[in-house]
Amino acid sequence: TGDYLANLLLMGFARLVITHHTTFFINSLAHYWG
């Protein structure tokens, strides 16, 4: 696509942070709310 920075920000950092905390919510939030 010719845009390395955009993909590093989205596919690299944003994706990693979202994947981390959605997984962590199972250990935390899913034991508190529901």
Full PDB file with SEQRES, HELIX, SHEET, SSBOND, CRYST1, ORIGX, SCALE, CONECT and MASTER records, all heavy atoms in Angstrom:
SEQRES   1 A   34  THR GLY ASP TYR LEU ALA ASN LEU LEU LEU MET GLY PHE          
SEQRES   2 A   34  ALA ARG LEU VAL ILE THR HIS HIS THR THR PHE PHE ILE          
SEQRES   3 A   34  ASN SER LEU ALA HIS TYR TRP GLY                              
HELIX    1 AA1 TYR A    4  ASN A    7  1                                   4    
HELIX    2 AA2 LEU A    8  ALA A   14  3                                   7    
HELIX    3 AA3 ARG A   15  ASN A   27  1                                  13    
HELIX    4 AA4 LEU A   29  HIS A   31  5                                   3    
CRYST1    1.000    1.000    1.000  90.00  90.00  90.00 P 1           1          
ORIGX1      1.000000  0.000000  0.000000        0.00000                         
ORIGX2      0.000000  1.000000  0.000000        0.00000                         
ORIGX3      0.000000  0.000000  1.000000        0.00000                         
SCALE1      1.000000  0.000000  0.000000        0.00000                         
SCALE2      0.000000  1.000000  0.000000        0.00000                         
SCALE3      0.000000  0.000000  1.000000        0.00000                         
ATOM      1  N   THR A   1       0.819  -1.223   0.000  1.00  0.00           N  
ATOM      2  CA  THR A   1       0.000   0.000   0.000  1.00  0.00           C  
ATOM      3  C   THR A   1       0.848   1.267   0.000  1.00  0.00           C  
ATOM      4  O   THR A   1       0.329   2.355  -0.249  1.00  0.00           O  
ATOM      5  CB  THR A   1      -0.921   0.019   1.232  1.00  0.00           C  
ATOM      6  OG1 THR A   1      -0.121   0.014   2.428  1.00  0.00           O  
ATOM      7  CG2 THR A   1      -1.850  -1.180   1.238  1.00  0.00           C  
ATOM      8  N   GLY A   2       2.136   1.126   0.322  1.00  0.00           N  
ATOM      9  CA  GLY A   2       3.014   2.281   0.356  1.00  0.00           C  
ATOM     10  C   GLY A   2       2.923   3.101   1.627  1.00  0.00           C  
ATOM     11  O   GLY A   2       3.450   4.220   1.688  1.00  0.00           O  
ATOM     12  N   ASP A   3       2.261   2.591   2.661  1.00  0.00           N  
ATOM     13  CA  ASP A   3       2.113   3.335   3.916  1.00  0.00           C  
ATOM     14  C   ASP A   3       2.495   2.425   5.087  1.00  0.00           C  
ATOM     15  O   ASP A   3       1.660   1.760   5.681  1.00  0.00           O  
ATOM     16  CB  ASP A   3       0.677   3.835   4.071  1.00  0.00           C  
ATOM     17  CG  ASP A   3       0.560   4.917   5.138  1.00  0.00           C  
ATOM     18  OD1 ASP A   3       1.458   5.001   5.996  1.00  0.00           O  
ATOM     19  OD2 ASP A   3      -0.429   5.679   5.116  1.00  0.00           O  
ATOM     20  N   TYR A   4       3.767   2.405   5.409  1.00  0.00           N  
ATOM     21  CA  TYR A   4       4.258   1.539   6.480  1.00  0.00           C  
ATOM     22  C   TYR A   4       3.780   2.011   7.851  1.00  0.00           C  
ATOM     23  O   TYR A   4       3.376   1.201   8.693  1.00  0.00           O  
ATOM     24  CB  TYR A   4       5.799   1.502   6.467  1.00  0.00           C  
ATOM     25  CG  TYR A   4       6.378   0.773   5.285  1.00  0.00           C  
ATOM     26  CD1 TYR A   4       6.801   1.469   4.153  1.00  0.00           C  
ATOM     27  CD2 TYR A   4       6.508  -0.619   5.299  1.00  0.00           C  
ATOM     28  CE1 TYR A   4       7.345   0.803   3.064  1.00  0.00           C  
ATOM     29  CE2 TYR A   4       7.059  -1.293   4.221  1.00  0.00           C  
ATOM     30  CZ  TYR A   4       7.469  -0.583   3.106  1.00  0.00           C  
ATOM     31  OH  TYR A   4       8.013  -1.255   2.033  1.00  0.00           O  
ATOM     32  N   LEU A   5       3.825   3.299   8.106  1.00  0.00           N  
ATOM     33  CA  LEU A   5       3.500   3.824   9.429  1.00  0.00           C  
ATOM     34  C   LEU A   5       2.050   3.559   9.807  1.00  0.00           C  
ATOM     35  O   LEU A   5       1.753   3.161  10.938  1.00  0.00           O  
ATOM     36  CB  LEU A   5       3.792   5.322   9.499  1.00  0.00           C  
ATOM     37  CG  LEU A   5       3.558   5.990  10.859  1.00  0.00           C  
ATOM     38  CD1 LEU A   5       4.358   5.292  11.955  1.00  0.00           C  
ATOM     39  CD2 LEU A   5       3.894   7.479  10.788  1.00  0.00           C  
ATOM     40  N   ALA A   6       1.139   3.767   8.863  1.00  0.00           N  
ATOM     41  CA  ALA A   6      -0.279   3.548   9.148  1.00  0.00           C  
ATOM     42  C   ALA A   6      -0.535   2.108   9.566  1.00  0.00           C  
ATOM     43  O   ALA A   6      -1.265   1.844  10.531  1.00  0.00           O  
ATOM     44  CB  ALA A   6      -1.119   3.899   7.922  1.00  0.00           C  
ATOM     45  N   ASN A   7       0.076   1.175   8.859  1.00  0.00           N  
ATOM     46  CA  ASN A   7      -0.142  -0.235   9.168  1.00  0.00           C  
ATOM     47  C   ASN A   7       0.570  -0.675  10.450  1.00  0.00           C  
ATOM     48  O   ASN A   7       0.061  -1.530  11.175  1.00  0.00           O  
ATOM     49  CB  ASN A   7       0.298  -1.098   7.978  1.00  0.00           C  
ATOM     50  CG  ASN A   7      -0.656  -0.978   6.811  1.00  0.00           C  
ATOM     51  OD1 ASN A   7      -1.751  -1.514   6.837  1.00  0.00           O  
ATOM     52  ND2 ASN A   7      -0.254  -0.229   5.781  1.00  0.00           N  
ATOM     53  N   LEU A   8       1.719  -0.082  10.729  1.00  0.00           N  
ATOM     54  CA  LEU A   8       2.390  -0.385  11.999  1.00  0.00           C  
ATOM     55  C   LEU A   8       1.555   0.116  13.180  1.00  0.00           C  
ATOM     56  O   LEU A   8       1.440  -0.571  14.205  1.00  0.00           O  
ATOM     57  CB  LEU A   8       3.774   0.254  12.033  1.00  0.00           C  
ATOM     58  CG  LEU A   8       4.891  -0.500  11.314  1.00  0.00           C  
ATOM     59  CD1 LEU A   8       6.158   0.347  11.270  1.00  0.00           C  
ATOM     60  CD2 LEU A   8       5.171  -1.842  12.005  1.00  0.00           C  
ATOM     61  N   LEU A   9       0.955   1.291  13.029  1.00  0.00           N  
ATOM     62  CA  LEU A   9       0.141   1.835  14.113  1.00  0.00           C  
ATOM     63  C   LEU A   9      -1.119   1.002  14.338  1.00  0.00           C  
ATOM     64  O   LEU A   9      -1.470   0.693  15.489  1.00  0.00           O  
ATOM     65  CB  LEU A   9      -0.238   3.284  13.813  1.00  0.00           C  
ATOM     66  CG  LEU A   9       0.872   4.321  13.980  1.00  0.00           C  
ATOM     67  CD1 LEU A   9       0.418   5.679  13.456  1.00  0.00           C  
ATOM     68  CD2 LEU A   9       1.297   4.428  15.447  1.00  0.00           C  
ATOM     69  N   LEU A  10      -1.797   0.648  13.246  1.00  0.00           N  
ATOM     70  CA  LEU A  10      -3.051  -0.084  13.384  1.00  0.00           C  
ATOM     71  C   LEU A  10      -2.824  -1.584  13.614  1.00  0.00           C  
ATOM     72  O   LEU A  10      -3.259  -2.142  14.631  1.00  0.00           O  
ATOM     73  CB  LEU A  10      -3.925   0.121  12.145  1.00  0.00           C  
ATOM     74  CG  LEU A  10      -4.664   1.447  12.035  1.00  0.00           C  
ATOM     75  CD1 LEU A  10      -5.508   1.482  10.771  1.00  0.00           C  
ATOM     76  CD2 LEU A  10      -5.558   1.687  13.253  1.00  0.00           C  
ATOM     77  N   MET A  11      -2.161  -2.244  12.670  1.00  0.00           N  
ATOM     78  CA  MET A  11      -1.971  -3.693  12.769  1.00  0.00           C  
ATOM     79  C   MET A  11      -0.983  -4.064  13.867  1.00  0.00           C  
ATOM     80  O   MET A  11      -1.097  -5.154  14.462  1.00  0.00           O  
ATOM     81  CB  MET A  11      -1.464  -4.250  11.432  1.00  0.00           C  
ATOM     82  CG  MET A  11      -2.443  -4.136  10.292  1.00  0.00           C  
ATOM     83  SD  MET A  11      -1.747  -4.821   8.769  1.00  0.00           S  
ATOM     84  CE  MET A  11      -1.641  -6.569   9.182  1.00  0.00           C  
ATOM     85  N   GLY A  12      -0.036  -3.166  14.140  1.00  0.00           N  
ATOM     86  CA  GLY A  12       0.951  -3.468  15.156  1.00  0.00           C  
ATOM     87  C   GLY A  12       0.482  -3.100  16.542  1.00  0.00           C  
ATOM     88  O   GLY A  12       0.093  -3.955  17.340  1.00  0.00           O  
ATOM     89  N   PHE A  13       0.444  -1.808  16.838  1.00  0.00           N  
ATOM     90  CA  PHE A  13       0.208  -1.365  18.206  1.00  0.00           C  
ATOM     91  C   PHE A  13      -1.267  -1.384  18.622  1.00  0.00           C  
ATOM     92  O   PHE A  13      -1.603  -1.908  19.685  1.00  0.00           O  
ATOM     93  CB  PHE A  13       0.809   0.033  18.388  1.00  0.00           C  
ATOM     94  CG  PHE A  13       2.302   0.040  18.286  1.00  0.00           C  
ATOM     95  CD1 PHE A  13       2.929   0.450  17.115  1.00  0.00           C  
ATOM     96  CD2 PHE A  13       3.084  -0.391  19.338  1.00  0.00           C  
ATOM     97  CE1 PHE A  13       4.315   0.447  17.012  1.00  0.00           C  
ATOM     98  CE2 PHE A  13       4.469  -0.397  19.247  1.00  0.00           C  
ATOM     99  CZ  PHE A  13       5.088   0.017  18.083  1.00  0.00           C  
ATOM    100  N   ALA A  14      -2.148  -0.797  17.821  1.00  0.00           N  
ATOM    101  CA  ALA A  14      -3.569  -0.762  18.205  1.00  0.00           C  
ATOM    102  C   ALA A  14      -4.132  -2.175  18.314  1.00  0.00           C  
ATOM    103  O   ALA A  14      -4.836  -2.500  19.279  1.00  0.00           O  
ATOM    104  CB  ALA A  14      -4.361   0.052  17.185  1.00  0.00           C  
ATOM    105  N   ARG A  15      -3.835  -3.017  17.347  1.00  0.00           N  
ATOM    106  CA  ARG A  15      -4.325  -4.393  17.373  1.00  0.00           C  
ATOM    107  C   ARG A  15      -3.814  -5.148  18.592  1.00  0.00           C  
ATOM    108  O   ARG A  15      -4.561  -5.882  19.251  1.00  0.00           O  
ATOM    109  CB  ARG A  15      -3.887  -5.091  16.071  1.00  0.00           C  
ATOM    110  CG  ARG A  15      -4.390  -6.519  15.881  1.00  0.00           C  
ATOM    111  CD  ARG A  15      -3.467  -7.572  16.456  1.00  0.00           C  
ATOM    112  NE  ARG A  15      -2.080  -7.306  16.142  1.00  0.00           N  
ATOM    113  CZ  ARG A  15      -1.077  -7.933  16.733  1.00  0.00           C  
ATOM    114  NH1 ARG A  15      -1.306  -8.842  17.665  1.00  0.00           N  
ATOM    115  NH2 ARG A  15       0.182  -7.633  16.411  1.00  0.00           N  
ATOM    116  N   LEU A  16      -2.538  -4.953  18.929  1.00  0.00           N  
ATOM    117  CA  LEU A  16      -1.952  -5.660  20.064  1.00  0.00           C  
ATOM    118  C   LEU A  16      -2.605  -5.231  21.372  1.00  0.00           C  
ATOM    119  O   LEU A  16      -2.949  -6.071  22.219  1.00  0.00           O  
ATOM    120  CB  LEU A  16      -0.448  -5.407  20.121  1.00  0.00           C  
ATOM    121  CG  LEU A  16       0.333  -6.174  21.193  1.00  0.00           C  
ATOM    122  CD1 LEU A  16       0.164  -7.672  21.010  1.00  0.00           C  
ATOM    123  CD2 LEU A  16       1.799  -5.788  21.155  1.00  0.00           C  
ATOM    124  N   VAL A  17      -2.806  -3.932  21.555  1.00  0.00           N  
ATOM    125  CA  VAL A  17      -3.422  -3.426  22.785  1.00  0.00           C  
ATOM    126  C   VAL A  17      -4.858  -3.925  22.920  1.00  0.00           C  
ATOM    127  O   VAL A  17      -5.285  -4.364  23.998  1.00  0.00           O  
ATOM    128  CB  VAL A  17      -3.377  -1.881  22.817  1.00  0.00           C  
ATOM    129  CG1 VAL A  17      -4.222  -1.338  23.964  1.00  0.00           C  
ATOM    130  CG2 VAL A  17      -1.940  -1.405  22.945  1.00  0.00           C  
ATOM    131  N   ILE A  18      -5.609  -3.884  21.830  1.00  0.00           N  
ATOM    132  CA  ILE A  18      -7.003  -4.354  21.864  1.00  0.00           C  
ATOM    133  C   ILE A  18      -7.052  -5.846  22.182  1.00  0.00           C  
ATOM    134  O   ILE A  18      -7.848  -6.289  23.023  1.00  0.00           O  
ATOM    135  CB  ILE A  18      -7.708  -4.057  20.527  1.00  0.00           C  
ATOM    136  CG1 ILE A  18      -7.890  -2.555  20.359  1.00  0.00           C  
ATOM    137  CG2 ILE A  18      -9.060  -4.767  20.461  1.00  0.00           C  
ATOM    138  CD1 ILE A  18      -8.379  -2.148  18.981  1.00  0.00           C  
ATOM    139  N   THR A  19      -6.203  -6.634  21.533  1.00  0.00           N  
ATOM    140  CA  THR A  19      -6.183  -8.071  21.782  1.00  0.00           C  
ATOM    141  C   THR A  19      -5.800  -8.375  23.222  1.00  0.00           C  
ATOM    142  O   THR A  19      -6.379  -9.267  23.856  1.00  0.00           O  
ATOM    143  CB  THR A  19      -5.197  -8.772  20.829  1.00  0.00           C  
ATOM    144  OG1 THR A  19      -5.564  -8.488  19.484  1.00  0.00           O  
ATOM    145  CG2 THR A  19      -5.230 -10.288  21.034  1.00  0.00           C  
ATOM    146  N   HIS A  20      -4.830  -7.637  23.747  1.00  0.00           N  
ATOM    147  CA  HIS A  20      -4.440  -7.827  25.147  1.00  0.00           C  
ATOM    148  C   HIS A  20      -5.626  -7.625  26.082  1.00  0.00           C  
ATOM    149  O   HIS A  20      -5.982  -8.516  26.861  1.00  0.00           O  
ATOM    150  CB  HIS A  20      -3.333  -6.842  25.525  1.00  0.00           C  
ATOM    151  CG  HIS A  20      -1.959  -7.336  25.216  1.00  0.00           C  
ATOM    152  ND1 HIS A  20      -0.854  -6.516  25.187  1.00  0.00           N  
ATOM    153  CD2 HIS A  20      -1.488  -8.582  24.927  1.00  0.00           C  
ATOM    154  CE1 HIS A  20       0.226  -7.215  24.897  1.00  0.00           C  
ATOM    155  NE2 HIS A  20      -0.142  -8.469  24.724  1.00  0.00           N  
ATOM    156  N   HIS A  21      -6.235  -6.469  26.008  1.00  0.00           N  
ATOM    157  CA  HIS A  21      -7.221  -6.117  27.020  1.00  0.00           C  
ATOM    158  C   HIS A  21      -8.562  -6.824  26.838  1.00  0.00           C  
ATOM    159  O   HIS A  21      -9.270  -7.047  27.829  1.00  0.00           O  
ATOM    160  CB  HIS A  21      -7.385  -4.600  27.088  1.00  0.00           C  
ATOM    161  CG  HIS A  21      -6.188  -3.933  27.678  1.00  0.00           C  
ATOM    162  ND1 HIS A  21      -5.946  -3.876  29.032  1.00  0.00           N  
ATOM    163  CD2 HIS A  21      -5.111  -3.334  27.086  1.00  0.00           C  
ATOM    164  CE1 HIS A  21      -4.803  -3.264  29.259  1.00  0.00           C  
ATOM    165  NE2 HIS A  21      -4.264  -2.917  28.100  1.00  0.00           N  
ATOM    166  N   THR A  22      -8.913  -7.205  25.619  1.00  0.00           N  
ATOM    167  CA  THR A  22     -10.129  -8.011  25.465  1.00  0.00           C  
ATOM    168  C   THR A  22      -9.930  -9.393  26.076  1.00  0.00           C  
ATOM    169  O   THR A  22     -10.845  -9.951  26.695  1.00  0.00           O  
ATOM    170  CB  THR A  22     -10.534  -8.138  23.983  1.00  0.00           C  
ATOM    171  OG1 THR A  22      -9.412  -8.578  23.205  1.00  0.00           O  
ATOM    172  CG2 THR A  22     -11.038  -6.816  23.445  1.00  0.00           C  
ATOM    173  N   THR A  23      -8.740  -9.948  25.927  1.00  0.00           N  
ATOM    174  CA  THR A  23      -8.444 -11.222  26.590  1.00  0.00           C  
ATOM    175  C   THR A  23      -8.440 -11.049  28.101  1.00  0.00           C  
ATOM    176  O   THR A  23      -9.014 -11.873  28.835  1.00  0.00           O  
ATOM    177  CB  THR A  23      -7.073 -11.765  26.140  1.00  0.00           C  
ATOM    178  OG1 THR A  23      -7.066 -11.938  24.724  1.00  0.00           O  
ATOM    179  CG2 THR A  23      -6.778 -13.108  26.800  1.00  0.00           C  
ATOM    180  N   PHE A  24      -7.826  -9.976  28.579  1.00  0.00           N  
ATOM    181  CA  PHE A  24      -7.747  -9.754  30.023  1.00  0.00           C  
ATOM    182  C   PHE A  24      -9.124  -9.524  30.636  1.00  0.00           C  
ATOM    183  O   PHE A  24      -9.338  -9.832  31.822  1.00  0.00           O  
ATOM    184  CB  PHE A  24      -6.846  -8.544  30.328  1.00  0.00           C  
ATOM    185  CG  PHE A  24      -5.440  -8.661  29.804  1.00  0.00           C  
ATOM    186  CD1 PHE A  24      -4.623  -7.531  29.701  1.00  0.00           C  
ATOM    187  CD2 PHE A  24      -4.917  -9.890  29.403  1.00  0.00           C  
ATOM    188  CE1 PHE A  24      -3.322  -7.631  29.224  1.00  0.00           C  
ATOM    189  CE2 PHE A  24      -3.628  -9.996  28.912  1.00  0.00           C  
ATOM    190  CZ  PHE A  24      -2.822  -8.866  28.823  1.00  0.00           C  
ATOM    191  N   PHE A  25     -10.065  -8.971  29.848  1.00  0.00           N  
ATOM    192  CA  PHE A  25     -11.419  -8.746  30.369  1.00  0.00           C  
ATOM    193  C   PHE A  25     -12.105 -10.055  30.770  1.00  0.00           C  
ATOM    194  O   PHE A  25     -12.980 -10.048  31.641  1.00  0.00           O  
ATOM    195  CB  PHE A  25     -12.282  -8.014  29.337  1.00  0.00           C  
ATOM    196  CG  PHE A  25     -12.123  -6.516  29.379  1.00  0.00           C  
ATOM    197  CD1 PHE A  25     -12.077  -5.784  28.200  1.00  0.00           C  
ATOM    198  CD2 PHE A  25     -12.019  -5.849  30.585  1.00  0.00           C  
ATOM    199  CE1 PHE A  25     -11.931  -4.399  28.241  1.00  0.00           C  
ATOM    200  CE2 PHE A  25     -11.869  -4.463  30.633  1.00  0.00           C  
ATOM    201  CZ  PHE A  25     -11.820  -3.738  29.450  1.00  0.00           C  
ATOM    202  N   ILE A  26     -11.717 -11.148  30.152  1.00  0.00           N  
ATOM    203  CA  ILE A  26     -12.306 -12.440  30.525  1.00  0.00           C  
ATOM    204  C   ILE A  26     -11.876 -12.812  31.937  1.00  0.00           C  
ATOM    205  O   ILE A  26     -12.648 -13.379  32.709  1.00  0.00           O  
ATOM    206  CB  ILE A  26     -11.891 -13.542  29.526  1.00  0.00           C  
ATOM    207  CG1 ILE A  26     -12.372 -13.176  28.128  1.00  0.00           C  
ATOM    208  CG2 ILE A  26     -12.476 -14.890  29.938  1.00  0.00           C  
ATOM    209  CD1 ILE A  26     -13.853 -12.949  28.024  1.00  0.00           C  
ATOM    210  N   ASN A  27     -10.634 -12.504  32.284  1.00  0.00           N  
ATOM    211  CA  ASN A  27     -10.141 -12.811  33.623  1.00  0.00           C  
ATOM    212  C   ASN A  27     -10.690 -11.856  34.674  1.00  0.00           C  
ATOM    213  O   ASN A  27     -10.795 -12.220  35.847  1.00  0.00           O  
ATOM    214  CB  ASN A  27      -8.610 -12.735  33.654  1.00  0.00           C  
ATOM    215  CG  ASN A  27      -7.965 -13.667  32.653  1.00  0.00           C  
ATOM    216  OD1 ASN A  27      -8.528 -14.685  32.287  1.00  0.00           O  
ATOM    217  ND2 ASN A  27      -6.765 -13.308  32.203  1.00  0.00           N  
ATOM    218  N   SER A  28     -11.023 -10.652  34.265  1.00  0.00           N  
ATOM    219  CA  SER A  28     -11.453  -9.632  35.225  1.00  0.00           C  
ATOM    220  C   SER A  28     -12.944  -9.338  35.121  1.00  0.00           C  
ATOM    221  O   SER A  28     -13.739  -9.776  35.972  1.00  0.00           O  
ATOM    222  CB  SER A  28     -10.648  -8.345  35.013  1.00  0.00           C  
ATOM    223  OG  SER A  28     -10.777  -7.866  33.675  1.00  0.00           O  
ATOM    224  N   LEU A  29     -13.352  -8.625  34.083  1.00  0.00           N  
ATOM    225  CA  LEU A  29     -14.732  -8.152  33.968  1.00  0.00           C  
ATOM    226  C   LEU A  29     -15.739  -9.296  33.945  1.00  0.00           C  
ATOM    227  O   LEU A  29     -16.837  -9.184  34.516  1.00  0.00           O  
ATOM    228  CB  LEU A  29     -14.868  -7.297  32.703  1.00  0.00           C  
ATOM    229  CG  LEU A  29     -16.111  -6.407  32.600  1.00  0.00           C  
ATOM    230  CD1 LEU A  29     -16.189  -5.444  33.769  1.00  0.00           C  
ATOM    231  CD2 LEU A  29     -16.100  -5.643  31.286  1.00  0.00           C  
ATOM    232  N   ALA A  30     -15.397 -10.404  33.290  1.00  0.00           N  
ATOM    233  CA  ALA A  30     -16.322 -11.542  33.210  1.00  0.00           C  
ATOM    234  C   ALA A  30     -16.460 -12.276  34.541  1.00  0.00           C  
ATOM    235  O   ALA A  30     -17.260 -13.204  34.649  1.00  0.00           O  
ATOM    236  CB  ALA A  30     -15.865 -12.520  32.122  1.00  0.00           C  
ATOM    237  N   HIS A  31     -15.697 -11.862  35.542  1.00  0.00           N  
ATOM    238  CA  HIS A  31     -15.862 -12.407  36.898  1.00  0.00           C  
ATOM    239  C   HIS A  31     -16.531 -11.388  37.819  1.00  0.00           C  
ATOM    240  O   HIS A  31     -16.701 -11.645  39.012  1.00  0.00           O  
ATOM    241  CB  HIS A  31     -14.504 -12.810  37.479  1.00  0.00           C  
ATOM    242  CG  HIS A  31     -14.005 -14.120  36.962  1.00  0.00           C  
ATOM    243  ND1 HIS A  31     -14.177 -15.309  37.637  1.00  0.00           N  
ATOM    244  CD2 HIS A  31     -13.347 -14.434  35.819  1.00  0.00           C  
ATOM    245  CE1 HIS A  31     -13.627 -16.293  36.946  1.00  0.00           C  
ATOM    246  NE2 HIS A  31     -13.127 -15.781  35.834  1.00  0.00           N  
ATOM    247  N   TYR A  32     -16.916 -10.228  37.259  1.00  0.00           N  
ATOM    248  CA  TYR A  32     -17.536  -9.169  38.054  1.00  0.00           C  
ATOM    249  C   TYR A  32     -18.948  -8.810  37.585  1.00  0.00           C  
ATOM    250  O   TYR A  32     -19.800  -8.448  38.388  1.00  0.00           O  
ATOM    251  CB  TYR A  32     -16.674  -7.896  37.993  1.00  0.00           C  
ATOM    252  CG  TYR A  32     -15.549  -7.864  38.982  1.00  0.00           C  
ATOM    253  CD1 TYR A  32     -14.370  -8.551  38.721  1.00  0.00           C  
ATOM    254  CD2 TYR A  32     -15.650  -7.152  40.178  1.00  0.00           C  
ATOM    255  CE1 TYR A  32     -13.321  -8.531  39.622  1.00  0.00           C  
ATOM    256  CE2 TYR A  32     -14.606  -7.128  41.088  1.00  0.00           C  
ATOM    257  CZ  TYR A  32     -13.440  -7.823  40.807  1.00  0.00           C  
ATOM    258  OH  TYR A  32     -12.402  -7.814  41.705  1.00  0.00           O  
ATOM    259  N   TRP A  33     -19.179  -8.865  36.288  1.00  0.00           N  
ATOM    260  CA  TRP A  33     -20.385  -8.254  35.717  1.00  0.00           C  
ATOM    261  C   TRP A  33     -21.135  -9.272  34.883  1.00  0.00           C  
ATOM    262  O   TRP A  33     -20.596  -9.800  33.913  1.00  0.00           O  
ATOM    263  CB  TRP A  33     -19.952  -7.047  34.871  1.00  0.00           C  
ATOM    264  CG  TRP A  33     -21.067  -6.313  34.190  1.00  0.00           C  
ATOM    265  CD1 TRP A  33     -22.347  -6.164  34.636  1.00  0.00           C  
ATOM    266  CD2 TRP A  33     -20.993  -5.620  32.943  1.00  0.00           C  
ATOM    267  NE1 TRP A  33     -23.079  -5.425  33.751  1.00  0.00           N  
ATOM    268  CE2 TRP A  33     -22.274  -5.075  32.696  1.00  0.00           C  
ATOM    269  CE3 TRP A  33     -19.966  -5.405  32.012  1.00  0.00           C  
ATOM    270  CZ2 TRP A  33     -22.556  -4.334  31.551  1.00  0.00           C  
ATOM    271  CZ3 TRP A  33     -20.257  -4.662  30.887  1.00  0.00           C  
ATOM    272  CH2 TRP A  33     -21.529  -4.133  30.662  1.00  0.00           C  
ATOM    273  N   GLY A  34     -22.382  -9.564  35.267  1.00  0.00           N  
ATOM    274  CA  GLY A  34     -23.191 -10.479  34.475  1.00  0.00           C  
ATOM    275  C   GLY A  34     -24.083 -11.368  35.330  1.00  0.00           C  
ATOM    276  O   GLY A  34     -24.311 -11.113  36.521  1.00  0.00           O  
TER     277      GLY A  34                                                      
MASTER        0    0    0    4    0    0    0    6  276    1    0    3          
END                                                                             
